[in-house]
PDB file of N, CA and C in Angstrom:
ATOM      1  N   MET A   1      75.868 300.168 119.017  1.00  0.00           N
ATOM      2  CA  MET A   1      74.432 299.439 119.706  1.00  0.00           C
ATOM      3  C   MET A   1      74.953 297.814 119.073  1.00  0.00           C
ATOM      4  N   ILE A   2      74.786 296.732 119.964  1.00  0.00           N
ATOM      5  CA  ILE A   2      74.975 295.412 119.654  1.00  0.00           C
ATOM      6  C   ILE A   2      73.409 295.254 118.937  1.00  0.00           C
ATOM      7  N   ASP A   3      73.828 294.214 117.855  1.00  0.00           N
ATOM      8  CA  ASP A   3      73.143 293.847 117.060  1.00  0.00           C
ATOM      9  C   ASP A   3      72.346 292.330 117.993  1.00  0.00           C
ATOM     10  N   GLU A   4      70.993 291.716 117.471  1.00  0.00           N
ATOM     11  CA  GLU A   4      70.493 290.571 117.979  1.00  0.00           C
ATOM     12  C   GLU A   4      71.010 289.175 117.803  1.00  0.00           C
ATOM     13  N   SER A   5      71.707 289.506 116.840  1.00  0.00           N
ATOM     14  CA  SER A   5      72.380 288.005 116.440  1.00  0.00           C
ATOM     15  C   SER A   5      73.837 288.044 117.071  1.00  0.00           C
ATOM     16  N   THR A   6      74.071 288.575 117.824  1.00  0.00           N
ATOM     17  CA  THR A   6      75.186 289.281 118.550  1.00  0.00           C
ATOM     18  C   THR A   6      75.205 288.625 119.665  1.00  0.00           C
ATOM     19  N   ILE A   7      73.683 288.956 120.405  1.00  0.00           N
ATOM     20  CA  ILE A   7      73.432 289.506 121.767  1.00  0.00           C
ATOM     21  C   ILE A   7      73.168 287.894 121.722  1.00  0.00           C
ATOM     22  N   ARG A   8      72.207 286.968 120.624  1.00  0.00           N
ATOM     23  CA  ARG A   8      72.408 285.650 120.959  1.00  0.00           C
ATOM     24  C   ARG A   8      73.430 284.843 121.403  1.00  0.00           C
ATOM     25  N   ALA A   9      74.569 285.538 120.537  1.00  0.00           N
ATOM     26  CA  ALA A   9      75.956 284.633 120.386  1.00  0.00           C
ATOM     27  C   ALA A   9      76.336 284.293 121.807  1.00  0.00           C
ATOM     28  N   ILE A  10      76.280 285.441 122.334  1.00  0.00           N
ATOM     29  CA  ILE A  10      76.974 285.616 123.364  1.00  0.00           C
ATOM     30  C   ILE A  10      75.936 284.904 124.489  1.00  0.00           C
ATOM     31  N   VAL A  11      74.437 285.015 124.654  1.00  0.00           N
ATOM     32  CA  VAL A  11      73.839 284.483 125.128  1.00  0.00           C
ATOM     33  C   VAL A  11      74.161 283.275 125.527  1.00  0.00           C
ATOM     34  N   VAL A  12      73.729 282.203 123.814  1.00  0.00           N
ATOM     35  CA  VAL A  12      74.403 280.833 123.974  1.00  0.00           C
ATOM     36  C   VAL A  12      75.529 280.204 124.815  1.00  0.00           C
ATOM     37  N   ARG A  13      76.583 281.213 124.475  1.00  0.00           N
ATOM     38  CA  ARG A  13      78.019 280.897 124.947  1.00  0.00           C
ATOM     39  C   ARG A  13      78.195 280.840 126.283  1.00  0.00           C
ATOM     40  N   LEU A  14      77.564 281.906 126.830  1.00  0.00           N
ATOM     41  CA  LEU A  14      77.700 282.334 128.611  1.00  0.00           C
ATOM     42  C   LEU A  14      76.593 281.188 129.254  1.00  0.00           C
ATOM     43  N   ALA A  15      75.675 281.039 128.739  1.00  0.00           N
ATOM     44  CA  ALA A  15      74.680 279.877 129.302  1.00  0.00           C
ATOM     45  C   ALA A  15      74.803 278.451 129.710  1.00  0.00           C
ATOM     46  N   ARG A  16      74.544 278.016 131.097  1.00  0.00           N
ATOM     47  CA  ARG A  16      74.766 277.083 131.231  1.00  0.00           C
ATOM     48  C   ARG A  16      73.398 275.977 131.782  1.00  0.00           C
ATOM     49  N   PRO A  17      73.239 274.458 131.657  1.00  0.00           N
ATOM     50  CA  PRO A  17      71.891 273.939 131.351  1.00  0.00           C
ATOM     51  C   PRO A  17      71.817 273.617 132.629  1.00  0.00           C
ATOM     52  N   VAL A  18      70.673 273.465 133.272  1.00  0.00           N
ATOM     53  CA  VAL A  18      70.433 272.935 134.865  1.00  0.00           C
ATOM     54  C   VAL A  18      69.185 271.859 134.365  1.00  0.00           C
ATOM     55  N   ALA A  19      69.177 271.335 135.400  1.00  0.00           N
ATOM     56  CA  ALA A  19      68.429 269.794 135.753  1.00  0.00           C
ATOM     57  C   ALA A  19      66.839 269.944 134.484  1.00  0.00           C
ATOM     58  N   SER A  20      66.434 270.967 134.801  1.00  0.00           N
ATOM     59  CA  SER A  20      64.793 271.704 134.545  1.00  0.00           C
ATOM     60  C   SER A  20      64.943 271.665 132.901  1.00  0.00           C
ATOM     61  N   GLY A  21      65.831 271.776 132.295  1.00  0.00           N
ATOM     62  CA  GLY A  21      66.016 272.274 130.784  1.00  0.00           C
ATOM     63  C   GLY A  21      66.167 273.415 130.766  1.00  0.00           C
ATOM     64  N   ALA A  22      65.956 274.722 131.986  1.00  0.00           N
ATOM     65  CA  ALA A  22      66.251 275.874 131.474  1.00  0.00           C
ATOM     66  C   ALA A  22      67.945 275.975 131.424  1.00  0.00           C
ATOM     67  N   HIS A  23      68.069 277.452 131.374  1.00  0.00           N
ATOM     68  CA  HIS A  23      69.800 277.343 131.365  1.00  0.00           C
ATOM     69  C   HIS A  23      69.665 278.984 132.337  1.00  0.00           C
ATOM     70  N   THR A  24      71.222 279.136 132.815  1.00  0.00           N
ATOM     71  CA  THR A  24      71.063 279.834 134.233  1.00  0.00           C
ATOM     72  C   THR A  24      72.382 281.085 133.486  1.00  0.00           C
ATOM     73  N   ILE A  25      72.337 281.955 133.237  1.00  0.00           N
ATOM     74  CA  ILE A  25      73.537 282.894 133.209  1.00  0.00           C
ATOM     75  C   ILE A  25      74.082 283.970 134.335  1.00  0.00           C
ATOM     76  N   ASP A  26      75.036 283.704 134.848  1.00  0.00           N
ATOM     77  CA  ASP A  26      75.919 284.304 136.096  1.00  0.00           C
ATOM     78  C   ASP A  26      75.677 285.989 135.463  1.00  0.00           C
ATOM     79  N   ARG A  27      75.467 286.796 136.160  1.00  0.00           N
ATOM     80  CA  ARG A  27      74.554 288.137 135.945  1.00  0.00           C
ATOM     81  C   ARG A  27      76.819 288.665 135.804  1.00  0.00           C
ATOM     82  N   ALA A  28      77.912 287.875 136.523  1.00  0.00           N
ATOM     83  CA  ALA A  28      78.848 288.923 136.410  1.00  0.00           C
ATOM     84  C   ALA A  28      79.860 288.406 134.725  1.00  0.00           C
ATOM     85  N   ALA A  29      79.057 287.257 134.801  1.00  0.00           N
ATOM     86  CA  ALA A  29      79.685 287.046 133.379  1.00  0.00           C
ATOM     87  C   ALA A  29      79.121 287.943 132.260  1.00  0.00           C
ATOM     88  N   ILE A  30      77.654 288.477 133.006  1.00  0.00           N
ATOM     89  CA  ILE A  30      77.339 289.120 131.625  1.00  0.00           C
ATOM     90  C   ILE A  30      78.029 291.188 131.510  1.00  0.00           C
ATOM     91  N   LEU A  31      78.236 291.223 132.821  1.00  0.00           N
ATOM     92  CA  LEU A  31      78.787 292.236 133.173  1.00  0.00           C
ATOM     93  C   LEU A  31      80.343 292.185 132.525  1.00  0.00           C
ATOM     94  N   ALA A  32      81.208 291.160 132.458  1.00  0.00           N
ATOM     95  CA  ALA A  32      82.459 291.202 131.470  1.00  0.00           C
ATOM     96  C   ALA A  32      82.613 290.949 130.569  1.00  0.00           C
ATOM     97  N   GLU A  33      81.234 291.494 129.566  1.00  0.00           N
ATOM     98  CA  GLU A  33      81.277 291.223 128.459  1.00  0.00           C
ATOM     99  C   GLU A  33      81.272 292.750 127.859  1.00  0.00           C
ATOM    100  N   GLY A  34      81.387 294.124 129.093  1.00  0.00           N
ATOM    101  CA  GLY A  34      81.432 294.998 129.068  1.00  0.00           C
ATOM    102  C   GLY A  34      80.659 296.055 128.491  1.00  0.00           C
ATOM    103  N   ALA A  35      80.240 296.636 128.358  1.00  0.00           N
ATOM    104  CA  ALA A  35      79.476 297.913 127.572  1.00  0.00           C
ATOM    105  C   ALA A  35      78.214 297.689 127.067  1.00  0.00           C
ATOM    106  N   ASP A  36      78.380 296.702 126.562  1.00  0.00           N
ATOM    107  CA  ASP A  36      76.728 295.941 126.003  1.00  0.00           C
ATOM    108  C   ASP A  36      75.769 295.325 126.979  1.00  0.00           C
ATOM    109  N   CYS A  37      76.590 294.942 128.262  1.00  0.00           N
ATOM    110  CA  CYS A  37      75.871 294.187 129.521  1.00  0.00           C
ATOM    111  C   CYS A  37      74.153 294.563 129.556  1.00  0.00           C
ATOM    112  N   ALA A  38      73.940 296.189 129.497  1.00  0.00           N
ATOM    113  CA  ALA A  38      72.927 296.653 129.571  1.00  0.00           C
ATOM    114  C   ALA A  38      71.706 296.149 128.384  1.00  0.00           C
ATOM    115  N   ALA A  39      72.146 296.100 127.481  1.00  0.00           N
ATOM    116  CA  ALA A  39      71.478 295.482 126.300  1.00  0.00           C
ATOM    117  C   ALA A  39      71.009 293.961 126.081  1.00  0.00           C
ATOM    118  N   ILE A  40      72.373 292.928 126.958  1.00  0.00           N
ATOM    119  CA  ILE A  40      72.341 291.682 126.889  1.00  0.00           C
ATOM    120  C   ILE A  40      71.561 291.549 127.725  1.00  0.00           C
ATOM    121  N   GLU A  41      71.548 291.665 129.270  1.00  0.00           N
ATOM    122  CA  GLU A  41      70.375 291.745 130.117  1.00  0.00           C
ATOM    123  C   GLU A  41      68.772 291.905 129.283  1.00  0.00           C
ATOM    124  N   ALA A  42      68.719 293.166 129.002  1.00  0.00           N
ATOM    125  CA  ALA A  42      67.294 293.274 127.956  1.00  0.00           C
ATOM    126  C   ALA A  42      66.974 292.351 127.632  1.00  0.00           C
ATOM    127  N   TRP A  43      68.248 292.369 126.853  1.00  0.00           N
ATOM    128  CA  TRP A  43      67.436 290.651 125.684  1.00  0.00           C
ATOM    129  C   TRP A  43      66.819 289.952 126.474  1.00  0.00           C
ATOM    130  N   ILE A  44      67.767 289.436 127.264  1.00  0.00           N
ATOM    131  CA  ILE A  44      67.556 288.159 128.280  1.00  0.00           C
ATOM    132  C   ILE A  44      65.946 288.045 128.753  1.00  0.00           C
ATOM    133  N   VAL A  45      65.371 289.722 129.250  1.00  0.00           N
ATOM    134  CA  VAL A  45      64.454 289.798 130.164  1.00  0.00           C
ATOM    135  C   VAL A  45      63.520 289.422 128.620  1.00  0.00           C
ATOM    136  N   ARG A  46      63.530 290.112 127.928  1.00  0.00           N
ATOM    137  CA  ARG A  46      62.601 289.969 126.296  1.00  0.00           C
ATOM    138  C   ARG A  46      62.387 288.918 125.893  1.00  0.00           C
ATOM    139  N   GLU A  47      63.172 287.489 126.305  1.00  0.00           N
ATOM    140  CA  GLU A  47      63.257 286.169 125.918  1.00  0.00           C
ATOM    141  C   GLU A  47      62.525 285.580 126.748  1.00  0.00           C
ATOM    142  N   GLY A  48      62.471 286.133 128.064  1.00  0.00           N
ATOM    143  CA  GLY A  48      61.476 284.978 128.994  1.00  0.00           C
ATOM    144  C   GLY A  48      62.439 284.843 130.067  1.00  0.00           C
ATOM    145  N   GLY A  49      63.621 285.214 129.996  1.00  0.00           N
ATOM    146  CA  GLY A  49      64.547 284.804 131.182  1.00  0.00           C
ATOM    147  C   GLY A  49      64.063 285.739 132.207  1.00  0.00           C
ATOM    148  N   GLU A  50      64.299 285.760 133.554  1.00  0.00           N
ATOM    149  CA  GLU A  50      63.811 285.568 134.876  1.00  0.00           C
ATOM    150  C   GLU A  50      65.010 286.044 135.852  1.00  0.00           C
ATOM    151  N   PRO A  51      64.844 287.259 136.303  1.00  0.00           N
ATOM    152  CA  PRO A  51      66.522 287.493 137.258  1.00  0.00           C
ATOM    153  C   PRO A  51      66.122 286.724 138.525  1.00  0.00           C
ATOM    154  N   HIS A  52      67.238 286.523 138.964  1.00  0.00           N
ATOM    155  CA  HIS A  52      67.163 285.608 139.988  1.00  0.00           C
ATOM    156  C   HIS A  52      68.245 286.635 141.419  1.00  0.00           C
ATOM    157  N   VAL A  53      67.657 286.614 142.506  1.00  0.00           N
ATOM    158  CA  VAL A  53      68.236 287.303 143.786  1.00  0.00           C
ATOM    159  C   VAL A  53      67.952 286.193 144.909  1.00  0.00           C
ATOM    160  N   ASP A  54      69.644 285.931 145.335  1.00  0.00           N
ATOM    161  CA  ASP A  54      69.719 285.164 146.513  1.00  0.00           C
ATOM    162  C   ASP A  54      69.364 285.700 147.530  1.00  0.00           C
ATOM    163  N   ALA A  55      68.576 285.321 148.028  1.00  0.00           N
ATOM    164  CA  ALA A  55      68.816 285.677 149.844  1.00  0.00           C
ATOM    165  C   ALA A  55      69.555 286.364 150.473  1.00  0.00           C
ATOM    166  N   ALA A  56      69.287 286.931 151.077  1.00  0.00           N
ATOM    167  CA  ALA A  56      69.845 287.916 151.673  1.00  0.00           C
ATOM    168  C   ALA A  56      70.668 287.353 153.355  1.00  0.00           C
ATOM    169  N   PRO A  57      71.371 287.468 153.626  1.00  0.00           N
ATOM    170  CA  PRO A  57      72.179 286.567 154.815  1.00  0.00           C
ATOM    171  C   PRO A  57      71.950 287.134 156.035  1.00  0.00           C
ATOM    172  N   PRO A  58      71.303 286.501 156.700  1.00  0.00           N
ATOM    173  CA  PRO A  58      70.752 286.695 158.064  1.00  0.00           C
ATOM    174  C   PRO A  58      71.386 287.494 159.078  1.00  0.00           C
ATOM    175  N   PRO A  59      70.318 288.567 159.557  1.00  0.00           N
ATOM    176  CA  PRO A  59      71.207 289.960 159.912  1.00  0.00           C
ATOM    177  C   PRO A  59      72.020 288.997 161.334  1.00  0.00           C
ATOM    178  N   GLY A  60      73.236 290.090 160.918  1.00  0.00           N
ATOM    179  CA  GLY A  60      74.310 289.750 161.940  1.00  0.00           C
ATOM    180  C   GLY A  60      73.679 290.179 163.295  1.00  0.00           C
ATOM    181  N   ARG A  61      75.220 290.131 164.146  1.00  0.00           N
ATOM    182  CA  ARG A  61      74.908 290.799 165.538  1.00  0.00           C
ATOM    183  C   ARG A  61      75.884 290.993 165.982  1.00  0.00           C
ATOM    184  N   GLY A  62      76.279 292.151 166.836  1.00  0.00           N
ATOM    185  CA  GLY A  62      77.251 292.870 167.633  1.00  0.00           C
ATOM    186  C   GLY A  62      77.554 294.623 166.405  1.00  0.00           C
ATOM    187  N   LEU A  63      78.550 294.978 167.352  1.00  0.00           N
ATOM    188  CA  LEU A  63      78.739 296.425 167.482  1.00  0.00           C
ATOM    189  C   LEU A  63      78.736 296.448 165.948  1.00  0.00           C
ATOM    190  N   HIS A  64      79.397 295.738 164.676  1.00  0.00           N
ATOM    191  CA  HIS A  64      79.074 295.960 163.295  1.00  0.00           C
ATOM    192  C   HIS A  64      78.343 294.936 162.273  1.00  0.00           C
ATOM    193  N   ALA A  65      77.550 294.773 162.766  1.00  0.00           N
ATOM    194  CA  ALA A  65      76.731 293.950 162.042  1.00  0.00           C
ATOM    195  C   ALA A  65      76.054 294.945 161.253  1.00  0.00           C
ATOM    196  N   ASP A  66      75.530 296.210 161.368  1.00  0.00           N
ATOM    197  CA  ASP A  66      75.452 297.391 160.544  1.00  0.00           C
ATOM    198  C   ASP A  66      75.675 297.254 158.823  1.00  0.00           C
ATOM    199  N   ARG A  67      76.844 297.332 159.622  1.00  0.00           N
ATOM    200  CA  ARG A  67      78.252 297.820 158.228  1.00  0.00           C
ATOM    201  C   ARG A  67      78.212 296.675 157.842  1.00  0.00           C
ATOM    202  N   ALA A  68      78.066 295.460 157.496  1.00  0.00           N
ATOM    203  CA  ALA A  68      78.404 294.048 157.607  1.00  0.00           C
ATOM    204  C   ALA A  68      77.615 293.644 156.358  1.00  0.00           C
ATOM    205  N   ASN A  69      76.015 293.475 157.345  1.00  0.00           N
ATOM    206  CA  ASN A  69      74.708 293.700 156.710  1.00  0.00           C
ATOM    207  C   ASN A  69      74.667 294.455 155.283  1.00  0.00           C
ATOM    208  N   ALA A  70      74.925 296.134 155.497  1.00  0.00           N
ATOM    209  CA  ALA A  70      75.358 297.063 154.178  1.00  0.00           C
ATOM    210  C   ALA A  70      75.920 296.180 152.462  1.00  0.00           C
ATOM    211  N   ARG A  71      76.729 295.860 153.418  1.00  0.00           N
ATOM    212  CA  ARG A  71      78.242 295.676 152.309  1.00  0.00           C
ATOM    213  C   ARG A  71      77.680 293.983 151.691  1.00  0.00           C
ATOM    214  N   THR A  72      77.127 293.290 152.279  1.00  0.00           N
ATOM    215  CA  THR A  72      76.560 291.684 151.678  1.00  0.00           C
ATOM    216  C   THR A  72      75.220 291.928 151.489  1.00  0.00           C
ATOM    217  N   SER A  73      74.683 293.101 151.380  1.00  0.00           N
ATOM    218  CA  SER A  73      73.264 293.361 150.531  1.00  0.00           C
ATOM    219  C   SER A  73      72.759 292.768 149.465  1.00  0.00           C
ATOM    220  N   SER A  74      72.238 291.789 148.880  1.00  0.00           N
ATOM    221  CA  SER A  74      73.023 291.558 147.113  1.00  0.00           C
ATOM    222  C   SER A  74      71.255 291.938 146.541  1.00  0.00           C
ATOM    223  N   ALA A  75      70.463 292.180 147.476  1.00  0.00           N
ATOM    224  CA  ALA A  75      69.329 292.762 146.913  1.00  0.00           C
ATOM    225  C   ALA A  75      69.611 294.961 146.170  1.00  0.00           C
ATOM    226  N   SER A  76      70.608 295.374 146.815  1.00  0.00           N
ATOM    227  CA  SER A  76      70.997 296.293 146.861  1.00  0.00           C
ATOM    228  C   SER A  76      72.179 296.212 144.975  1.00  0.00           C
ATOM    229  N   PHE A  77      72.388 295.221 144.911  1.00  0.00           N
ATOM    230  CA  PHE A  77      73.233 294.971 143.494  1.00  0.00           C
ATOM    231  C   PHE A  77      72.682 294.494 142.169  1.00  0.00           C
ATOM    232  N   GLY A  78      71.592 294.121 142.631  1.00  0.00           N
ATOM    233  CA  GLY A  78      70.483 293.258 141.400  1.00  0.00           C
ATOM    234  C   GLY A  78      70.887 292.219 141.732  1.00  0.00           C
ATOM    235  N   PRO A  79      69.981 291.358 140.752  1.00  0.00           N
ATOM    236  CA  PRO A  79      70.047 290.028 140.356  1.00  0.00           C
ATOM    237  C   PRO A  79      71.329 289.544 140.253  1.00  0.00           C
ATOM    238  N   SER A  80      71.608 287.967 140.884  1.00  0.00           N
ATOM    239  CA  SER A  80      72.677 287.841 141.123  1.00  0.00           C
ATOM    240  C   SER A  80      72.896 286.588 139.757  1.00  0.00           C
ATOM    241  N   ARG A  81      71.838 286.485 138.710  1.00  0.00           N
ATOM    242  CA  ARG A  81      72.080 285.352 137.908  1.00  0.00           C
ATOM    243  C   ARG A  81      70.726 285.623 137.220  1.00  0.00           C
ATOM    244  N   TYR A  82      70.522 284.852 136.195  1.00  0.00           N
ATOM    245  CA  TYR A  82      69.005 284.936 135.374  1.00  0.00           C
ATOM    246  C   TYR A  82      68.966 283.259 134.502  1.00  0.00           C
ATOM    247  N   VAL A  83      68.096 283.329 134.630  1.00  0.00           N
ATOM    248  CA  VAL A  83      67.395 281.916 134.513  1.00  0.00           C
ATOM    249  C   VAL A  83      65.795 282.134 132.757  1.00  0.00           C
ATOM    250  N   LEU A  84      66.745 281.649 131.788  1.00  0.00           N
ATOM    251  CA  LEU A  84      66.169 281.004 130.538  1.00  0.00           C
ATOM    252  C   LEU A  84      65.467 280.098 131.045  1.00  0.00           C
ATOM    253  N   PRO A  85      63.722 280.172 130.749  1.00  0.00           N
ATOM    254  CA  PRO A  85      63.011 278.917 130.439  1.00  0.00           C
ATOM    255  C   PRO A  85      63.578 278.094 129.550  1.00  0.00           C
ATOM    256  N   ALA A  86      63.475 276.752 129.648  1.00  0.00           N
ATOM    257  CA  ALA A  86      63.948 275.422 128.259  1.00  0.00           C
ATOM    258  C   ALA A  86      63.240 276.127 127.225  1.00  0.00           C
ATOM    259  N   GLY A  87      64.122 275.862 126.313  1.00  0.00           N
ATOM    260  CA  GLY A  87      63.649 276.046 124.622  1.00  0.00           C
ATOM    261  C   GLY A  87      64.198 277.593 124.474  1.00  0.00           C
ATOM    262  N   ALA A  88      63.931 278.485 124.775  1.00  0.00           N
ATOM    263  CA  ALA A  88      64.498 279.854 125.079  1.00  0.00           C
ATOM    264  C   ALA A  88      65.389 279.878 124.184  1.00  0.00           C
ATOM    265  N   LEU A  89      66.648 278.974 123.954  1.00  0.00           N
ATOM    266  CA  LEU A  89      67.493 279.090 122.989  1.00  0.00           C
ATOM    267  C   LEU A  89      67.785 278.370 122.137  1.00  0.00           C
ATOM    268  N   GLY A  90      66.649 277.451 121.884  1.00  0.00           N
ATOM    269  CA  GLY A  90      66.430 276.539 120.786  1.00  0.00           C
ATOM    270  C   GLY A  90      66.281 276.749 119.824  1.00  0.00           C
TER     271      GLY A  90
END
């Protein structure tokens, strides 16, 4: 199990500031950390981080539209990033 200080160091390293003073972390970067990604995501949520799911693409048209939409539905894969409030890492 990964300890709290290690998780915090990972989150600080991965976080990028946004104009509002908050920080954002791409879920892909968290997943790239390996087996501890679930613990990292849980820590972010405990610290006030909110998952952000990108809007689903508009429904396609045509013969293969259902297949393409099923493949690109972001809601089925979880959030694309997490947003930590301003001051959460300070």
